[in-house]
Amino acid sequence: MKLVAVPSTHIDRAWAEGASCLARACDASGGEIEGPQLKMILARGERTLIRMDCEGQAVGWGVVRVDQLPNMRVLFVTDLVAPHGHFERFFSELKNLAVTHGCSRIRCAAKPAQARLYSMKCGFKPVYTIQEVEV
């Protein structure tokens, strides 16, 4: 099992090979981003597409970005789709990716059910809650 970072030059090919499933993750964003917009951001190199491989087969896809905050550097998982891919098996690889990019933390945004799963499987803890109201 390994994580494979897909170069920004190969996003179109990865999209055709299954990364397009990340549009489903975008649907959960509350309107922040749509699938075609994510593809464009990846192709520009603004975020990194990662493929979760198990025995040479893609079992999931994710998107990460590095956030340099005033007191820490964070690898932020913005999107993840791995149906029955057991994402937790790749968590040590994700930690290695974070270290490679100089990060001391890994964060993600999650709805309540996902948050419970990430907490149980990988030890994530809540940092804060973001709420909104439409104006």
N, C-alpha and C. Protein backbone atom coordinates (compact mmCIF):
# COMPACT_ATOMS: atom_id res chain seq x y z
N MET A 1 0.84 -1.18 0.00
CA MET A 1 0.00 0.00 0.00
C MET A 1 0.88 1.23 0.00
N LYS A 2 0.56 2.14 -0.89
CA LYS A 2 1.34 3.37 -0.93
C LYS A 2 0.51 4.51 -1.47
N LEU A 3 0.94 5.70 -1.13
CA LEU A 3 0.37 6.91 -1.69
C LEU A 3 1.24 7.35 -2.85
N VAL A 4 0.60 7.71 -3.93
CA VAL A 4 1.34 8.17 -5.11
C VAL A 4 0.88 9.59 -5.41
N ALA A 5 1.82 10.53 -5.33
CA ALA A 5 1.51 11.91 -5.68
C ALA A 5 1.48 12.01 -7.20
N VAL A 6 0.39 12.53 -7.73
CA VAL A 6 0.22 12.66 -9.17
C VAL A 6 0.70 14.05 -9.58
N PRO A 7 1.66 14.13 -10.51
CA PRO A 7 2.14 15.44 -10.95
C PRO A 7 1.01 16.25 -11.60
N SER A 8 1.09 17.56 -11.47
CA SER A 8 0.04 18.42 -12.02
C SER A 8 -0.09 18.25 -13.53
N THR A 9 0.97 17.82 -14.18
CA THR A 9 0.94 17.60 -15.63
C THR A 9 0.12 16.37 -16.03
N HIS A 10 -0.23 15.53 -15.04
CA HIS A 10 -0.94 14.29 -15.33
C HIS A 10 -2.36 14.23 -14.76
N ILE A 11 -2.89 15.38 -14.41
CA ILE A 11 -4.22 15.42 -13.79
C ILE A 11 -5.30 14.94 -14.75
N ASP A 12 -5.24 15.35 -16.00
CA ASP A 12 -6.26 14.94 -16.96
C ASP A 12 -6.30 13.42 -17.10
N ARG A 13 -5.14 12.81 -17.16
CA ARG A 13 -5.06 11.35 -17.27
C ARG A 13 -5.60 10.68 -16.00
N ALA A 14 -5.21 11.20 -14.84
CA ALA A 14 -5.68 10.64 -13.57
C ALA A 14 -7.19 10.79 -13.46
N TRP A 15 -7.72 11.91 -13.94
CA TRP A 15 -9.17 12.15 -13.89
C TRP A 15 -9.89 11.07 -14.69
N ALA A 16 -9.34 10.75 -15.85
CA ALA A 16 -9.94 9.71 -16.70
C ALA A 16 -9.79 8.32 -16.08
N GLU A 17 -8.77 8.13 -15.25
CA GLU A 17 -8.50 6.83 -14.63
C GLU A 17 -9.22 6.65 -13.29
N GLY A 18 -10.05 7.63 -12.90
CA GLY A 18 -10.85 7.46 -11.69
C GLY A 18 -10.84 8.59 -10.70
N ALA A 19 -9.91 9.53 -10.82
CA ALA A 19 -9.85 10.63 -9.86
C ALA A 19 -11.09 11.53 -9.95
N SER A 20 -11.84 11.40 -11.04
CA SER A 20 -13.06 12.20 -11.18
C SER A 20 -14.07 11.92 -10.07
N CYS A 21 -13.89 10.79 -9.36
CA CYS A 21 -14.77 10.49 -8.22
C CYS A 21 -14.68 11.55 -7.13
N LEU A 22 -13.60 12.35 -7.16
CA LEU A 22 -13.45 13.41 -6.16
C LEU A 22 -14.54 14.46 -6.27
N ALA A 23 -15.25 14.49 -7.39
CA ALA A 23 -16.39 15.41 -7.52
C ALA A 23 -17.42 15.12 -6.43
N ARG A 24 -17.53 13.85 -6.01
CA ARG A 24 -18.46 13.50 -4.92
C ARG A 24 -18.03 14.15 -3.62
N ALA A 25 -16.73 14.22 -3.38
CA ALA A 25 -16.24 14.89 -2.17
C ALA A 25 -16.56 16.38 -2.24
N CYS A 26 -16.45 16.95 -3.42
CA CYS A 26 -16.78 18.37 -3.59
C CYS A 26 -18.25 18.63 -3.28
N ASP A 27 -19.11 17.68 -3.60
CA ASP A 27 -20.54 17.84 -3.34
C ASP A 27 -20.81 18.05 -1.86
N ALA A 28 -19.93 17.55 -1.00
CA ALA A 28 -20.11 17.68 0.45
C ALA A 28 -19.55 18.99 0.99
N SER A 29 -18.99 19.83 0.11
CA SER A 29 -18.33 21.05 0.57
C SER A 29 -19.28 22.20 0.86
N GLY A 30 -20.55 22.01 0.60
CA GLY A 30 -21.50 23.09 0.84
C GLY A 30 -21.41 24.20 -0.20
N GLY A 31 -20.93 23.88 -1.38
CA GLY A 31 -20.87 24.86 -2.44
C GLY A 31 -19.53 25.57 -2.58
N GLU A 32 -18.55 25.22 -1.77
CA GLU A 32 -17.24 25.86 -1.84
C GLU A 32 -16.55 25.62 -3.17
N ILE A 33 -16.68 24.39 -3.69
CA ILE A 33 -15.95 24.00 -4.90
C ILE A 33 -16.71 22.89 -5.62
N GLU A 34 -16.55 22.85 -6.92
CA GLU A 34 -17.16 21.80 -7.73
C GLU A 34 -16.05 20.97 -8.39
N GLY A 35 -16.41 19.78 -8.84
CA GLY A 35 -15.44 18.87 -9.43
C GLY A 35 -14.55 19.48 -10.51
N PRO A 36 -15.13 20.15 -11.53
CA PRO A 36 -14.29 20.74 -12.57
C PRO A 36 -13.34 21.82 -12.04
N GLN A 37 -13.77 22.54 -11.01
CA GLN A 37 -12.90 23.56 -10.41
C GLN A 37 -11.74 22.90 -9.68
N LEU A 38 -12.03 21.79 -8.99
CA LEU A 38 -10.96 21.06 -8.31
C LEU A 38 -9.94 20.56 -9.32
N LYS A 39 -10.41 20.03 -10.42
CA LYS A 39 -9.50 19.54 -11.46
C LYS A 39 -8.59 20.67 -11.94
N MET A 40 -9.15 21.86 -12.13
CA MET A 40 -8.35 22.99 -12.59
C MET A 40 -7.30 23.40 -11.55
N ILE A 41 -7.70 23.42 -10.29
CA ILE A 41 -6.77 23.78 -9.21
C ILE A 41 -5.61 22.78 -9.16
N LEU A 42 -5.93 21.50 -9.34
CA LEU A 42 -4.90 20.46 -9.34
C LEU A 42 -3.97 20.63 -10.54
N ALA A 43 -4.53 20.90 -11.70
CA ALA A 43 -3.72 21.06 -12.91
C ALA A 43 -2.80 22.27 -12.82
N ARG A 44 -3.21 23.28 -12.06
CA ARG A 44 -2.36 24.46 -11.85
C ARG A 44 -1.28 24.24 -10.80
N GLY A 45 -1.37 23.12 -10.09
CA GLY A 45 -0.38 22.83 -9.05
C GLY A 45 -0.66 23.51 -7.72
N GLU A 46 -1.88 24.01 -7.54
CA GLU A 46 -2.22 24.70 -6.29
C GLU A 46 -2.50 23.72 -5.16
N ARG A 47 -2.87 22.49 -5.50
CA ARG A 47 -3.05 21.40 -4.54
C ARG A 47 -2.45 20.15 -5.17
N THR A 48 -2.30 19.11 -4.36
CA THR A 48 -1.69 17.88 -4.84
C THR A 48 -2.68 16.73 -4.83
N LEU A 49 -2.78 16.04 -5.94
CA LEU A 49 -3.61 14.85 -6.05
C LEU A 49 -2.80 13.65 -5.59
N ILE A 50 -3.40 12.84 -4.73
CA ILE A 50 -2.74 11.60 -4.30
C ILE A 50 -3.64 10.41 -4.62
N ARG A 51 -3.01 9.37 -5.11
CA ARG A 51 -3.72 8.13 -5.42
C ARG A 51 -3.33 7.11 -4.36
N MET A 52 -4.31 6.42 -3.81
CA MET A 52 -4.07 5.36 -2.84
C MET A 52 -4.01 4.04 -3.60
N ASP A 53 -2.83 3.45 -3.63
CA ASP A 53 -2.61 2.22 -4.38
C ASP A 53 -2.49 1.02 -3.45
N CYS A 54 -3.12 -0.06 -3.84
CA CYS A 54 -2.99 -1.33 -3.14
C CYS A 54 -2.76 -2.40 -4.21
N GLU A 55 -1.60 -2.99 -4.18
CA GLU A 55 -1.22 -4.02 -5.15
C GLU A 55 -1.37 -3.51 -6.58
N GLY A 56 -0.94 -2.27 -6.81
CA GLY A 56 -0.96 -1.69 -8.15
C GLY A 56 -2.29 -1.17 -8.63
N GLN A 57 -3.32 -1.24 -7.79
CA GLN A 57 -4.66 -0.76 -8.16
C GLN A 57 -5.04 0.44 -7.30
N ALA A 58 -5.65 1.43 -7.93
CA ALA A 58 -6.13 2.60 -7.19
C ALA A 58 -7.36 2.19 -6.38
N VAL A 59 -7.30 2.40 -5.06
CA VAL A 59 -8.44 2.10 -4.19
C VAL A 59 -9.02 3.37 -3.58
N GLY A 60 -8.44 4.51 -3.91
CA GLY A 60 -8.94 5.77 -3.42
C GLY A 60 -8.13 6.93 -3.97
N TRP A 61 -8.69 8.11 -3.82
CA TRP A 61 -8.06 9.34 -4.28
C TRP A 61 -8.22 10.41 -3.22
N GLY A 62 -7.24 11.28 -3.11
CA GLY A 62 -7.31 12.38 -2.16
C GLY A 62 -6.63 13.61 -2.70
N VAL A 63 -6.90 14.72 -2.05
CA VAL A 63 -6.28 15.99 -2.41
C VAL A 63 -5.75 16.62 -1.13
N VAL A 64 -4.52 17.12 -1.20
CA VAL A 64 -3.91 17.78 -0.04
C VAL A 64 -3.34 19.13 -0.45
N ARG A 65 -3.19 19.97 0.54
CA ARG A 65 -2.49 21.24 0.36
C ARG A 65 -1.66 21.47 1.61
N VAL A 66 -0.66 22.30 1.51
CA VAL A 66 0.16 22.67 2.66
C VAL A 66 -0.23 24.08 3.08
N ASP A 67 -0.60 24.23 4.35
CA ASP A 67 -0.93 25.55 4.91
C ASP A 67 0.19 25.95 5.86
N GLN A 68 0.84 27.07 5.58
CA GLN A 68 1.84 27.61 6.50
C GLN A 68 1.13 28.59 7.41
N LEU A 69 0.82 28.14 8.62
CA LEU A 69 0.16 28.99 9.61
C LEU A 69 1.24 29.68 10.45
N PRO A 70 0.90 30.71 11.21
CA PRO A 70 1.92 31.43 11.98
C PRO A 70 2.73 30.53 12.92
N ASN A 71 2.09 29.53 13.53
CA ASN A 71 2.78 28.71 14.53
C ASN A 71 3.00 27.26 14.13
N MET A 72 2.60 26.89 12.92
CA MET A 72 2.78 25.50 12.48
C MET A 72 2.60 25.39 10.98
N ARG A 73 3.11 24.31 10.44
CA ARG A 73 2.92 23.98 9.03
C ARG A 73 2.02 22.75 8.99
N VAL A 74 0.93 22.81 8.22
CA VAL A 74 -0.11 21.79 8.25
C VAL A 74 -0.31 21.19 6.87
N LEU A 75 -0.35 19.86 6.82
CA LEU A 75 -0.81 19.17 5.61
C LEU A 75 -2.31 19.02 5.77
N PHE A 76 -3.07 19.66 4.90
CA PHE A 76 -4.53 19.67 5.01
C PHE A 76 -5.11 18.79 3.92
N VAL A 77 -5.86 17.78 4.32
CA VAL A 77 -6.55 16.91 3.38
C VAL A 77 -7.87 17.60 3.05
N THR A 78 -7.98 18.08 1.81
CA THR A 78 -9.18 18.82 1.43
C THR A 78 -10.28 17.92 0.88
N ASP A 79 -9.90 16.82 0.26
CA ASP A 79 -10.88 15.92 -0.36
C ASP A 79 -10.38 14.49 -0.26
N LEU A 80 -11.31 13.55 -0.07
CA LEU A 80 -10.94 12.14 0.03
C LEU A 80 -12.11 11.28 -0.39
N VAL A 81 -11.84 10.35 -1.29
CA VAL A 81 -12.83 9.35 -1.69
C VAL A 81 -12.11 8.02 -1.73
N ALA A 82 -12.54 7.10 -0.88
CA ALA A 82 -11.92 5.76 -0.83
C ALA A 82 -12.96 4.75 -0.38
N PRO A 83 -13.99 4.52 -1.20
CA PRO A 83 -15.02 3.57 -0.77
C PRO A 83 -14.44 2.17 -0.62
N HIS A 84 -14.55 1.65 0.57
CA HIS A 84 -14.03 0.32 0.91
C HIS A 84 -12.51 0.22 0.69
N GLY A 85 -11.83 1.37 0.63
CA GLY A 85 -10.39 1.38 0.41
C GLY A 85 -9.60 1.34 1.70
N HIS A 86 -10.30 1.44 2.85
CA HIS A 86 -9.65 1.42 4.15
C HIS A 86 -8.54 2.47 4.22
N PHE A 87 -8.94 3.73 4.11
CA PHE A 87 -8.00 4.85 4.10
C PHE A 87 -7.01 4.80 5.25
N GLU A 88 -7.43 4.23 6.38
CA GLU A 88 -6.55 4.23 7.56
C GLU A 88 -5.27 3.43 7.31
N ARG A 89 -5.29 2.49 6.38
CA ARG A 89 -4.09 1.71 6.06
C ARG A 89 -3.01 2.59 5.43
N PHE A 90 -3.40 3.74 4.92
CA PHE A 90 -2.48 4.64 4.24
C PHE A 90 -2.02 5.78 5.15
N PHE A 91 -2.48 5.78 6.40
CA PHE A 91 -2.21 6.92 7.27
C PHE A 91 -0.73 7.11 7.56
N SER A 92 0.02 6.03 7.71
CA SER A 92 1.46 6.19 7.94
C SER A 92 2.13 6.82 6.73
N GLU A 93 1.66 6.49 5.53
CA GLU A 93 2.18 7.11 4.31
C GLU A 93 1.82 8.60 4.29
N LEU A 94 0.62 8.94 4.75
CA LEU A 94 0.21 10.34 4.80
C LEU A 94 1.09 11.11 5.79
N LYS A 95 1.41 10.48 6.91
CA LYS A 95 2.32 11.11 7.87
C LYS A 95 3.69 11.35 7.24
N ASN A 96 4.17 10.37 6.49
CA ASN A 96 5.46 10.54 5.80
C ASN A 96 5.42 11.69 4.81
N LEU A 97 4.29 11.82 4.09
CA LEU A 97 4.13 12.92 3.15
C LEU A 97 4.17 14.26 3.88
N ALA A 98 3.50 14.31 5.04
CA ALA A 98 3.50 15.54 5.84
C ALA A 98 4.93 15.90 6.27
N VAL A 99 5.67 14.92 6.75
CA VAL A 99 7.05 15.17 7.19
C VAL A 99 7.91 15.63 6.01
N THR A 100 7.71 15.01 4.86
CA THR A 100 8.47 15.38 3.66
C THR A 100 8.25 16.85 3.30
N HIS A 101 7.05 17.35 3.56
CA HIS A 101 6.74 18.75 3.26
C HIS A 101 6.99 19.68 4.45
N GLY A 102 7.63 19.17 5.50
CA GLY A 102 7.97 20.00 6.65
C GLY A 102 6.82 20.28 7.59
N CYS A 103 5.77 19.48 7.51
CA CYS A 103 4.58 19.72 8.32
C CYS A 103 4.67 19.02 9.68
N SER A 104 4.10 19.65 10.68
CA SER A 104 4.06 19.05 12.02
C SER A 104 2.66 18.58 12.39
N ARG A 105 1.68 18.84 11.52
CA ARG A 105 0.29 18.45 11.77
C ARG A 105 -0.37 18.01 10.46
N ILE A 106 -1.39 17.17 10.61
CA ILE A 106 -2.28 16.82 9.50
C ILE A 106 -3.68 17.21 9.95
N ARG A 107 -4.38 17.91 9.10
CA ARG A 107 -5.75 18.31 9.39
C ARG A 107 -6.66 17.94 8.24
N CYS A 108 -7.96 17.92 8.53
CA CYS A 108 -8.96 17.72 7.50
C CYS A 108 -10.26 18.34 7.99
N ALA A 109 -11.14 18.62 7.05
CA ALA A 109 -12.49 19.06 7.38
C ALA A 109 -13.39 17.85 7.23
N ALA A 110 -14.34 17.69 8.14
CA ALA A 110 -15.18 16.49 8.09
C ALA A 110 -16.55 16.78 8.69
N LYS A 111 -17.54 16.11 8.13
CA LYS A 111 -18.87 16.13 8.73
C LYS A 111 -18.85 15.20 9.94
N PRO A 112 -19.86 15.25 10.83
CA PRO A 112 -19.80 14.49 12.09
C PRO A 112 -19.50 12.99 11.94
N ALA A 113 -20.13 12.31 11.02
CA ALA A 113 -19.88 10.86 10.88
C ALA A 113 -18.46 10.59 10.42
N GLN A 114 -17.96 11.40 9.48
CA GLN A 114 -16.58 11.25 9.03
C GLN A 114 -15.62 11.55 10.18
N ALA A 115 -15.92 12.59 10.93
CA ALA A 115 -15.05 12.98 12.04
C ALA A 115 -14.91 11.85 13.05
N ARG A 116 -16.02 11.18 13.36
CA ARG A 116 -15.96 10.05 14.29
C ARG A 116 -15.08 8.93 13.72
N LEU A 117 -15.24 8.66 12.44
CA LEU A 117 -14.45 7.62 11.79
C LEU A 117 -12.96 7.98 11.80
N TYR A 118 -12.63 9.22 11.45
CA TYR A 118 -11.22 9.65 11.44
C TYR A 118 -10.63 9.61 12.84
N SER A 119 -11.44 9.94 13.82
CA SER A 119 -10.99 9.89 15.21
C SER A 119 -10.69 8.46 15.63
N MET A 120 -11.62 7.56 15.34
CA MET A 120 -11.45 6.15 15.74
C MET A 120 -10.30 5.48 15.00
N LYS A 121 -10.19 5.72 13.70
CA LYS A 121 -9.23 4.99 12.86
C LYS A 121 -7.83 5.59 12.88
N CYS A 122 -7.74 6.93 13.03
CA CYS A 122 -6.44 7.57 12.86
C CYS A 122 -6.04 8.51 14.01
N GLY A 123 -6.91 8.68 14.98
CA GLY A 123 -6.56 9.51 16.14
C GLY A 123 -6.75 11.01 15.95
N PHE A 124 -7.51 11.42 14.93
CA PHE A 124 -7.79 12.85 14.77
C PHE A 124 -8.57 13.37 15.97
N LYS A 125 -8.33 14.65 16.32
CA LYS A 125 -9.07 15.33 17.38
C LYS A 125 -9.61 16.64 16.83
N PRO A 126 -10.77 17.07 17.30
CA PRO A 126 -11.30 18.35 16.82
C PRO A 126 -10.39 19.51 17.22
N VAL A 127 -10.24 20.46 16.31
CA VAL A 127 -9.48 21.68 16.61
C VAL A 127 -10.47 22.80 16.89
N TYR A 128 -11.42 22.98 16.01
CA TYR A 128 -12.50 23.94 16.19
C TYR A 128 -13.61 23.59 15.21
N THR A 129 -14.77 24.21 15.37
CA THR A 129 -15.90 23.98 14.49
C THR A 129 -16.14 25.23 13.68
N ILE A 130 -16.39 25.03 12.40
CA ILE A 130 -16.73 26.16 11.53
C ILE A 130 -18.23 26.09 11.28
N GLN A 131 -18.88 27.21 11.49
CA GLN A 131 -20.32 27.30 11.24
C GLN A 131 -20.56 28.46 10.29
N GLU A 132 -21.72 28.46 9.65
CA GLU A 132 -22.02 29.57 8.75
C GLU A 132 -23.52 29.86 8.75
N VAL A 133 -23.83 31.04 8.28
CA VAL A 133 -25.20 31.43 8.03
C VAL A 133 -25.18 32.23 6.73
N GLU A 134 -26.16 31.97 5.90
CA GLU A 134 -26.23 32.67 4.62
C GLU A 134 -26.78 34.08 4.83
N VAL A 135 -26.22 35.05 4.12
CA VAL A 135 -26.69 36.45 4.24
C VAL A 135 -27.26 36.94 2.93
